[in-house]
Amino acid sequence: MTMLEKLQAQKTALVAQMEESALTPEQLWLFQEFNYRIEVFESCQMFCRSAPRTTETQVLGLHYKVVDAYIRHLSQERQYGKRGNAATTEGSNDETQQKHRAAALENLNRVIIDYRKRFQSFRADTAEQYAAAIDQVLHNVLIAWTQHRQCYVEIKKED
């Protein structure tokens, strides 16, 4: 089962629960987070499926610009969660949480910097090379992004 399928199943279970009783504020956070993560995973899936199969640099460059803009936006948006935003420090536990968030964001930014360096002079030798490279980029970004999101709204297996 893919991560997207797991998120969709967890959301479906929460919706079923919602039909029987009102959601708690914590469950509302989870519901919003499921929607957000599903949208991100579906968008990345679409980027992989729509990757041009060509060696034409101009065509590849246009697709890359869309993907890159989306990824850079992911690193900057929704930096808030159940325990406050990135600027909140309400005690030692929150200080620890802030350190985890900062480390996760730094890791995500390193992944972004790495793929951007590799694509500065990217030239496809085969029609499938770019699609494979974008697939790997998105795989790496989603791992780091998911770790980053977990620092804001943790989704556990039992959620």
N, C-alpha and C. Protein backbone atom coordinates (compact mmCIF):
# COMPACT_ATOMS: atom_id res chain seq x y z
N MET A 1 0.85 -1.18 0.00
CA MET A 1 0.00 0.00 0.00
C MET A 1 0.90 1.24 0.00
N THR A 2 0.61 2.17 -0.89
CA THR A 2 1.40 3.39 -0.98
C THR A 2 1.03 4.35 0.15
N MET A 3 1.87 5.34 0.35
CA MET A 3 1.58 6.35 1.37
C MET A 3 0.28 7.08 1.04
N LEU A 4 0.05 7.37 -0.22
CA LEU A 4 -1.19 8.03 -0.62
C LEU A 4 -2.40 7.16 -0.26
N GLU A 5 -2.32 5.88 -0.54
CA GLU A 5 -3.43 4.98 -0.21
C GLU A 5 -3.65 4.89 1.30
N LYS A 6 -2.58 4.90 2.06
CA LYS A 6 -2.70 4.87 3.52
C LYS A 6 -3.39 6.14 4.02
N LEU A 7 -2.98 7.29 3.49
CA LEU A 7 -3.60 8.55 3.90
C LEU A 7 -5.08 8.57 3.54
N GLN A 8 -5.41 8.09 2.35
CA GLN A 8 -6.81 8.07 1.92
C GLN A 8 -7.63 7.14 2.82
N ALA A 9 -7.08 6.00 3.19
CA ALA A 9 -7.78 5.07 4.07
C ALA A 9 -7.98 5.68 5.46
N GLN A 10 -6.95 6.35 5.97
CA GLN A 10 -7.07 6.99 7.28
C GLN A 10 -8.12 8.10 7.24
N LYS A 11 -8.15 8.86 6.17
CA LYS A 11 -9.15 9.92 6.04
C LYS A 11 -10.55 9.31 5.98
N THR A 12 -10.71 8.25 5.22
CA THR A 12 -12.01 7.59 5.11
C THR A 12 -12.50 7.11 6.47
N ALA A 13 -11.60 6.56 7.26
CA ALA A 13 -11.97 6.10 8.60
C ALA A 13 -12.40 7.28 9.48
N LEU A 14 -11.71 8.39 9.35
CA LEU A 14 -12.06 9.57 10.14
C LEU A 14 -13.41 10.14 9.70
N VAL A 15 -13.68 10.12 8.41
CA VAL A 15 -14.97 10.59 7.90
C VAL A 15 -16.09 9.70 8.43
N ALA A 16 -15.87 8.39 8.45
CA ALA A 16 -16.87 7.47 8.99
C ALA A 16 -17.14 7.77 10.46
N GLN A 17 -16.08 8.04 11.19
CA GLN A 17 -16.22 8.39 12.61
C GLN A 17 -16.98 9.71 12.76
N MET A 18 -16.72 10.65 11.86
CA MET A 18 -17.36 11.95 11.90
C MET A 18 -18.87 11.82 11.70
N GLU A 19 -19.30 10.84 10.92
CA GLU A 19 -20.72 10.65 10.68
C GLU A 19 -21.46 10.18 11.92
N GLU A 20 -20.73 9.59 12.87
CA GLU A 20 -21.35 9.09 14.09
C GLU A 20 -21.29 10.09 15.23
N SER A 21 -20.28 10.93 15.25
CA SER A 21 -20.16 11.93 16.32
C SER A 21 -19.28 13.08 15.84
N ALA A 22 -19.39 14.19 16.55
CA ALA A 22 -18.59 15.37 16.20
C ALA A 22 -17.11 15.08 16.43
N LEU A 23 -16.29 15.68 15.61
CA LEU A 23 -14.85 15.51 15.77
C LEU A 23 -14.33 16.43 16.86
N THR A 24 -13.33 15.96 17.56
CA THR A 24 -12.66 16.79 18.55
C THR A 24 -11.77 17.78 17.79
N PRO A 25 -11.33 18.84 18.45
CA PRO A 25 -10.41 19.77 17.76
C PRO A 25 -9.16 19.06 17.23
N GLU A 26 -8.64 18.10 17.97
CA GLU A 26 -7.46 17.37 17.51
C GLU A 26 -7.78 16.56 16.26
N GLN A 27 -8.96 15.97 16.20
CA GLN A 27 -9.36 15.23 15.01
C GLN A 27 -9.58 16.16 13.82
N LEU A 28 -10.04 17.38 14.09
CA LEU A 28 -10.18 18.36 13.00
C LEU A 28 -8.82 18.68 12.39
N TRP A 29 -7.79 18.82 13.25
CA TRP A 29 -6.44 19.04 12.74
C TRP A 29 -6.03 17.89 11.84
N LEU A 30 -6.31 16.66 12.30
CA LEU A 30 -5.95 15.49 11.50
C LEU A 30 -6.69 15.48 10.16
N PHE A 31 -7.98 15.79 10.19
CA PHE A 31 -8.76 15.81 8.96
C PHE A 31 -8.16 16.79 7.95
N GLN A 32 -7.84 17.99 8.42
CA GLN A 32 -7.23 18.99 7.55
C GLN A 32 -5.88 18.51 7.03
N GLU A 33 -5.11 17.87 7.89
CA GLU A 33 -3.79 17.39 7.49
C GLU A 33 -3.89 16.26 6.48
N PHE A 34 -4.87 15.36 6.67
CA PHE A 34 -5.08 14.30 5.68
C PHE A 34 -5.38 14.92 4.31
N ASN A 35 -6.29 15.88 4.28
CA ASN A 35 -6.63 16.55 3.02
C ASN A 35 -5.40 17.18 2.39
N TYR A 36 -4.61 17.87 3.19
CA TYR A 36 -3.42 18.56 2.69
C TYR A 36 -2.40 17.56 2.13
N ARG A 37 -2.09 16.54 2.90
CA ARG A 37 -1.08 15.57 2.45
C ARG A 37 -1.55 14.80 1.22
N ILE A 38 -2.82 14.45 1.18
CA ILE A 38 -3.34 13.76 0.01
C ILE A 38 -3.19 14.63 -1.23
N GLU A 39 -3.52 15.91 -1.10
CA GLU A 39 -3.38 16.83 -2.23
C GLU A 39 -1.93 16.92 -2.70
N VAL A 40 -1.00 16.98 -1.77
CA VAL A 40 0.42 17.06 -2.13
C VAL A 40 0.87 15.78 -2.83
N PHE A 41 0.50 14.63 -2.28
CA PHE A 41 0.90 13.37 -2.90
C PHE A 41 0.27 13.22 -4.29
N GLU A 42 -0.99 13.61 -4.44
CA GLU A 42 -1.64 13.52 -5.74
C GLU A 42 -0.99 14.48 -6.74
N SER A 43 -0.62 15.67 -6.30
CA SER A 43 0.06 16.62 -7.19
C SER A 43 1.40 16.07 -7.65
N CYS A 44 2.15 15.50 -6.73
CA CYS A 44 3.46 14.93 -7.10
C CYS A 44 3.29 13.74 -8.04
N GLN A 45 2.26 12.95 -7.81
CA GLN A 45 1.96 11.83 -8.69
C GLN A 45 1.66 12.36 -10.11
N MET A 46 0.91 13.45 -10.18
CA MET A 46 0.59 14.06 -11.47
C MET A 46 1.85 14.59 -12.15
N PHE A 47 2.77 15.17 -11.37
CA PHE A 47 4.02 15.66 -11.95
C PHE A 47 4.81 14.51 -12.57
N CYS A 48 4.82 13.37 -11.90
CA CYS A 48 5.54 12.21 -12.44
C CYS A 48 4.88 11.71 -13.73
N ARG A 49 3.56 11.61 -13.70
CA ARG A 49 2.84 11.11 -14.87
C ARG A 49 2.92 12.05 -16.06
N SER A 50 3.04 13.35 -15.79
CA SER A 50 3.07 14.32 -16.87
C SER A 50 4.47 14.69 -17.32
N ALA A 51 5.49 14.07 -16.74
CA ALA A 51 6.87 14.39 -17.12
C ALA A 51 7.08 14.08 -18.60
N PRO A 52 7.58 15.05 -19.35
CA PRO A 52 7.77 14.83 -20.79
C PRO A 52 8.79 13.73 -21.06
N ARG A 53 8.50 12.95 -22.06
CA ARG A 53 9.42 11.90 -22.51
C ARG A 53 10.08 12.42 -23.79
N THR A 54 11.13 13.21 -23.56
CA THR A 54 11.83 13.85 -24.68
C THR A 54 13.23 14.25 -24.20
N THR A 55 14.05 14.63 -25.15
CA THR A 55 15.36 15.17 -24.80
C THR A 55 15.43 16.68 -25.07
N GLU A 56 14.31 17.26 -25.49
CA GLU A 56 14.26 18.69 -25.81
C GLU A 56 14.35 19.51 -24.52
N THR A 57 15.42 20.25 -24.37
CA THR A 57 15.69 21.01 -23.16
C THR A 57 14.60 22.02 -22.84
N GLN A 58 14.07 22.69 -23.85
CA GLN A 58 13.05 23.70 -23.60
C GLN A 58 11.77 23.07 -23.04
N VAL A 59 11.37 21.95 -23.54
CA VAL A 59 10.17 21.25 -23.07
C VAL A 59 10.39 20.77 -21.63
N LEU A 60 11.55 20.19 -21.39
CA LEU A 60 11.87 19.71 -20.04
C LEU A 60 11.94 20.86 -19.05
N GLY A 61 12.50 21.98 -19.51
CA GLY A 61 12.66 23.14 -18.64
C GLY A 61 11.33 23.71 -18.17
N LEU A 62 10.34 23.70 -19.03
CA LEU A 62 9.02 24.21 -18.65
C LEU A 62 8.38 23.32 -17.57
N HIS A 63 8.47 22.03 -17.75
CA HIS A 63 7.92 21.10 -16.75
C HIS A 63 8.68 21.25 -15.43
N TYR A 64 9.99 21.32 -15.52
CA TYR A 64 10.81 21.45 -14.32
C TYR A 64 10.46 22.72 -13.54
N LYS A 65 10.23 23.82 -14.22
CA LYS A 65 9.89 25.08 -13.53
C LYS A 65 8.61 24.94 -12.72
N VAL A 66 7.63 24.24 -13.25
CA VAL A 66 6.38 24.03 -12.51
C VAL A 66 6.63 23.17 -11.27
N VAL A 67 7.36 22.08 -11.45
CA VAL A 67 7.67 21.18 -10.34
C VAL A 67 8.49 21.90 -9.28
N ASP A 68 9.50 22.62 -9.70
CA ASP A 68 10.37 23.32 -8.76
C ASP A 68 9.60 24.37 -7.97
N ALA A 69 8.75 25.12 -8.63
CA ALA A 69 7.96 26.14 -7.93
C ALA A 69 7.06 25.49 -6.88
N TYR A 70 6.45 24.39 -7.23
CA TYR A 70 5.56 23.68 -6.29
C TYR A 70 6.36 23.20 -5.07
N ILE A 71 7.49 22.61 -5.31
CA ILE A 71 8.31 22.08 -4.22
C ILE A 71 8.81 23.21 -3.31
N ARG A 72 9.29 24.28 -3.89
CA ARG A 72 9.75 25.40 -3.07
C ARG A 72 8.62 25.97 -2.22
N HIS A 73 7.43 26.00 -2.78
CA HIS A 73 6.27 26.47 -2.02
C HIS A 73 5.98 25.54 -0.84
N LEU A 74 6.11 24.24 -1.05
CA LEU A 74 5.87 23.27 0.04
C LEU A 74 6.76 23.52 1.25
N SER A 75 7.96 23.96 0.99
CA SER A 75 8.91 24.17 2.10
C SER A 75 8.57 25.40 2.92
N GLN A 76 7.68 26.25 2.40
CA GLN A 76 7.38 27.51 3.08
C GLN A 76 5.98 27.60 3.65
N GLU A 77 5.08 26.73 3.21
CA GLU A 77 3.69 26.87 3.62
C GLU A 77 3.34 26.01 4.83
N ARG A 78 2.25 26.38 5.46
CA ARG A 78 1.64 25.62 6.56
C ARG A 78 2.61 25.27 7.68
N GLN A 79 3.35 26.23 8.11
CA GLN A 79 4.26 25.99 9.22
C GLN A 79 3.56 26.28 10.54
N TYR A 80 2.50 25.54 10.75
CA TYR A 80 1.75 25.61 12.00
C TYR A 80 1.17 24.23 12.26
N GLY A 81 0.77 24.02 13.48
CA GLY A 81 0.21 22.73 13.85
C GLY A 81 -0.57 22.84 15.14
N LYS A 82 -0.92 21.70 15.68
CA LYS A 82 -1.73 21.67 16.90
C LYS A 82 -1.04 22.38 18.06
N ARG A 83 0.28 22.40 18.05
CA ARG A 83 1.02 22.96 19.18
C ARG A 83 1.53 24.36 18.92
N GLY A 84 0.96 25.05 17.98
CA GLY A 84 1.39 26.43 17.72
C GLY A 84 2.19 26.55 16.45
N ASN A 85 2.51 27.78 16.11
CA ASN A 85 3.26 28.02 14.88
C ASN A 85 4.76 28.01 15.14
N ALA A 86 5.51 28.24 14.10
CA ALA A 86 6.97 28.17 14.19
C ALA A 86 7.56 29.20 15.14
N ALA A 87 6.83 30.29 15.39
CA ALA A 87 7.36 31.35 16.25
C ALA A 87 6.97 31.15 17.72
N THR A 88 6.15 30.16 18.01
CA THR A 88 5.66 29.95 19.37
C THR A 88 6.64 29.15 20.20
N THR A 89 6.93 29.63 21.40
CA THR A 89 7.71 28.86 22.36
C THR A 89 7.04 29.01 23.72
N GLU A 90 6.35 27.97 24.13
CA GLU A 90 5.57 28.04 25.37
C GLU A 90 6.15 27.20 26.49
N GLY A 91 7.37 26.77 26.38
CA GLY A 91 7.96 25.94 27.42
C GLY A 91 9.02 25.03 26.84
N SER A 92 9.64 24.23 27.71
CA SER A 92 10.76 23.40 27.27
C SER A 92 10.34 22.37 26.23
N ASN A 93 9.14 21.80 26.37
CA ASN A 93 8.69 20.85 25.37
C ASN A 93 8.52 21.52 24.01
N ASP A 94 8.01 22.75 24.04
CA ASP A 94 7.86 23.50 22.80
C ASP A 94 9.22 23.87 22.20
N GLU A 95 10.20 24.12 23.06
CA GLU A 95 11.55 24.41 22.56
C GLU A 95 12.11 23.18 21.85
N THR A 96 11.87 22.02 22.41
CA THR A 96 12.31 20.79 21.77
C THR A 96 11.59 20.61 20.44
N GLN A 97 10.30 20.88 20.44
CA GLN A 97 9.51 20.78 19.21
C GLN A 97 10.03 21.76 18.16
N GLN A 98 10.37 22.96 18.58
CA GLN A 98 10.91 23.96 17.65
C GLN A 98 12.23 23.49 17.04
N LYS A 99 13.05 22.83 17.84
CA LYS A 99 14.33 22.30 17.33
C LYS A 99 14.08 21.20 16.31
N HIS A 100 13.10 20.34 16.58
CA HIS A 100 12.76 19.28 15.62
C HIS A 100 12.25 19.88 14.31
N ARG A 101 11.40 20.89 14.44
CA ARG A 101 10.86 21.54 13.25
C ARG A 101 11.97 22.20 12.43
N ALA A 102 12.87 22.88 13.11
CA ALA A 102 13.98 23.55 12.42
C ALA A 102 14.88 22.53 11.72
N ALA A 103 15.15 21.42 12.39
CA ALA A 103 16.01 20.38 11.81
C ALA A 103 15.32 19.74 10.59
N ALA A 104 14.03 19.49 10.71
CA ALA A 104 13.30 18.88 9.59
C ALA A 104 13.24 19.84 8.40
N LEU A 105 13.03 21.12 8.66
CA LEU A 105 13.01 22.10 7.58
C LEU A 105 14.39 22.22 6.94
N GLU A 106 15.42 22.20 7.75
CA GLU A 106 16.79 22.25 7.21
C GLU A 106 17.05 21.04 6.31
N ASN A 107 16.60 19.88 6.73
CA ASN A 107 16.77 18.67 5.92
C ASN A 107 16.02 18.79 4.60
N LEU A 108 14.77 19.26 4.66
CA LEU A 108 13.99 19.45 3.44
C LEU A 108 14.69 20.45 2.51
N ASN A 109 15.18 21.53 3.06
CA ASN A 109 15.88 22.53 2.24
C ASN A 109 17.16 21.97 1.62
N ARG A 110 17.85 21.08 2.33
CA ARG A 110 19.04 20.44 1.76
C ARG A 110 18.67 19.57 0.56
N VAL A 111 17.57 18.85 0.67
CA VAL A 111 17.10 18.03 -0.45
C VAL A 111 16.77 18.92 -1.65
N ILE A 112 16.12 20.04 -1.38
CA ILE A 112 15.77 20.97 -2.45
C ILE A 112 17.02 21.56 -3.10
N ILE A 113 17.96 22.00 -2.30
CA ILE A 113 19.22 22.55 -2.83
C ILE A 113 19.94 21.51 -3.67
N ASP A 114 19.95 20.27 -3.20
CA ASP A 114 20.64 19.20 -3.92
C ASP A 114 20.05 18.97 -5.31
N TYR A 115 18.72 18.82 -5.38
CA TYR A 115 18.16 18.56 -6.71
C TYR A 115 18.28 19.79 -7.61
N ARG A 116 18.20 20.99 -7.05
CA ARG A 116 18.32 22.19 -7.87
C ARG A 116 19.73 22.29 -8.46
N LYS A 117 20.74 21.90 -7.70
CA LYS A 117 22.11 21.91 -8.23
C LYS A 117 22.23 20.91 -9.38
N ARG A 118 21.64 19.73 -9.19
CA ARG A 118 21.73 18.70 -10.22
C ARG A 118 21.00 19.10 -11.50
N PHE A 119 19.95 19.89 -11.38
CA PHE A 119 19.18 20.27 -12.56
C PHE A 119 19.66 21.56 -13.21
N GLN A 120 20.64 22.22 -12.63
CA GLN A 120 21.15 23.45 -13.24
C GLN A 120 21.71 23.20 -14.63
N SER A 121 22.33 22.07 -14.80
CA SER A 121 22.91 21.77 -16.12
C SER A 121 22.40 20.42 -16.65
N PHE A 122 21.17 20.09 -16.33
CA PHE A 122 20.60 18.80 -16.74
C PHE A 122 20.41 18.74 -18.25
N ARG A 123 20.86 17.67 -18.83
CA ARG A 123 20.64 17.37 -20.25
C ARG A 123 20.22 15.90 -20.33
N ALA A 124 19.11 15.66 -20.96
CA ALA A 124 18.63 14.28 -21.10
C ALA A 124 19.26 13.63 -22.32
N ASP A 125 19.86 12.46 -22.10
CA ASP A 125 20.44 11.70 -23.21
C ASP A 125 19.42 10.79 -23.86
N THR A 126 18.39 10.41 -23.07
CA THR A 126 17.32 9.56 -23.59
C THR A 126 15.98 10.21 -23.26
N ALA A 127 14.94 9.79 -23.94
CA ALA A 127 13.61 10.36 -23.73
C ALA A 127 13.07 10.05 -22.34
N GLU A 128 13.51 8.99 -21.72
CA GLU A 128 13.00 8.59 -20.40
C GLU A 128 13.83 9.13 -19.23
N GLN A 129 14.98 9.69 -19.50
CA GLN A 129 15.90 10.10 -18.44
C GLN A 129 15.31 11.18 -17.53
N TYR A 130 14.68 12.17 -18.09
CA TYR A 130 14.12 13.26 -17.29
C TYR A 130 13.00 12.73 -16.39
N ALA A 131 12.11 11.93 -16.93
CA ALA A 131 11.00 11.40 -16.14
C ALA A 131 11.52 10.60 -14.95
N ALA A 132 12.54 9.80 -15.18
CA ALA A 132 13.13 9.02 -14.08
C ALA A 132 13.77 9.94 -13.04
N ALA A 133 14.43 10.99 -13.51
CA ALA A 133 15.09 11.92 -12.59
C ALA A 133 14.06 12.69 -11.75
N ILE A 134 12.97 13.15 -12.36
CA ILE A 134 11.92 13.86 -11.64
C ILE A 134 11.23 12.93 -10.64
N ASP A 135 11.02 11.70 -11.04
CA ASP A 135 10.42 10.72 -10.13
C ASP A 135 11.28 10.56 -8.88
N GLN A 136 12.59 10.47 -9.05
CA GLN A 136 13.51 10.32 -7.92
C GLN A 136 13.53 11.58 -7.05
N VAL A 137 13.52 12.74 -7.70
CA VAL A 137 13.48 14.01 -6.97
C VAL A 137 12.24 14.06 -6.09
N LEU A 138 11.09 13.78 -6.68
CA LEU A 138 9.83 13.85 -5.92
C LEU A 138 9.80 12.82 -4.80
N HIS A 139 10.34 11.66 -5.04
CA HIS A 139 10.44 10.63 -3.99
C HIS A 139 11.24 11.17 -2.81
N ASN A 140 12.41 11.73 -3.08
CA ASN A 140 13.27 12.26 -2.02
C ASN A 140 12.62 13.45 -1.30
N VAL A 141 12.00 14.33 -2.07
CA VAL A 141 11.34 15.49 -1.48
C VAL A 141 10.20 15.05 -0.58
N LEU A 142 9.40 14.10 -1.04
CA LEU A 142 8.25 13.67 -0.24
C LEU A 142 8.66 13.01 1.07
N ILE A 143 9.77 12.31 1.06
CA ILE A 143 10.26 11.73 2.32
C ILE A 143 10.62 12.84 3.30
N ALA A 144 11.41 13.80 2.84
CA ALA A 144 11.82 14.91 3.72
C ALA A 144 10.63 15.78 4.10
N TRP A 145 9.72 16.02 3.16
CA TRP A 145 8.55 16.85 3.44
C TRP A 145 7.63 16.18 4.46
N THR A 146 7.44 14.87 4.34
CA THR A 146 6.60 14.15 5.29
C THR A 146 7.20 14.22 6.69
N GLN A 147 8.51 14.07 6.80
CA GLN A 147 9.16 14.21 8.10
C GLN A 147 8.94 15.61 8.66
N HIS A 148 9.03 16.60 7.79
CA HIS A 148 8.79 17.99 8.18
C HIS A 148 7.35 18.17 8.67
N ARG A 149 6.39 17.65 7.93
CA ARG A 149 4.98 17.77 8.32
C ARG A 149 4.70 17.07 9.65
N GLN A 150 5.36 15.96 9.87
CA GLN A 150 5.15 15.22 11.12
C GLN A 150 5.52 16.07 12.34
N CYS A 151 6.40 17.02 12.17
CA CYS A 151 6.79 17.91 13.27
C CYS A 151 5.69 18.92 13.59
N TYR A 152 4.75 19.08 12.70
CA TYR A 152 3.65 20.01 12.92
C TYR A 152 2.36 19.29 13.29
N VAL A 153 2.01 18.29 12.50
CA VAL A 153 0.81 17.48 12.79
C VAL A 153 1.22 16.03 12.61
N GLU A 154 1.41 15.37 13.73
CA GLU A 154 1.85 13.97 13.69
C GLU A 154 0.68 13.06 13.35
N ILE A 155 0.91 12.23 12.35
CA ILE A 155 -0.08 11.22 11.99
C ILE A 155 0.53 9.87 12.37
N LYS A 156 -0.16 9.19 13.26
CA LYS A 156 0.28 7.89 13.73
C LYS A 156 -0.48 6.81 12.98
N LYS A 157 0.02 5.59 13.04
CA LYS A 157 -0.66 4.47 12.37
C LYS A 157 -2.11 4.33 12.84
N GLU A 158 -2.33 4.53 14.12
CA GLU A 158 -3.67 4.33 14.66
C GLU A 158 -4.61 5.49 14.32
N ASP A 159 -4.07 6.61 13.81
CA ASP A 159 -4.93 7.72 13.38
C ASP A 159 -5.62 7.33 12.10
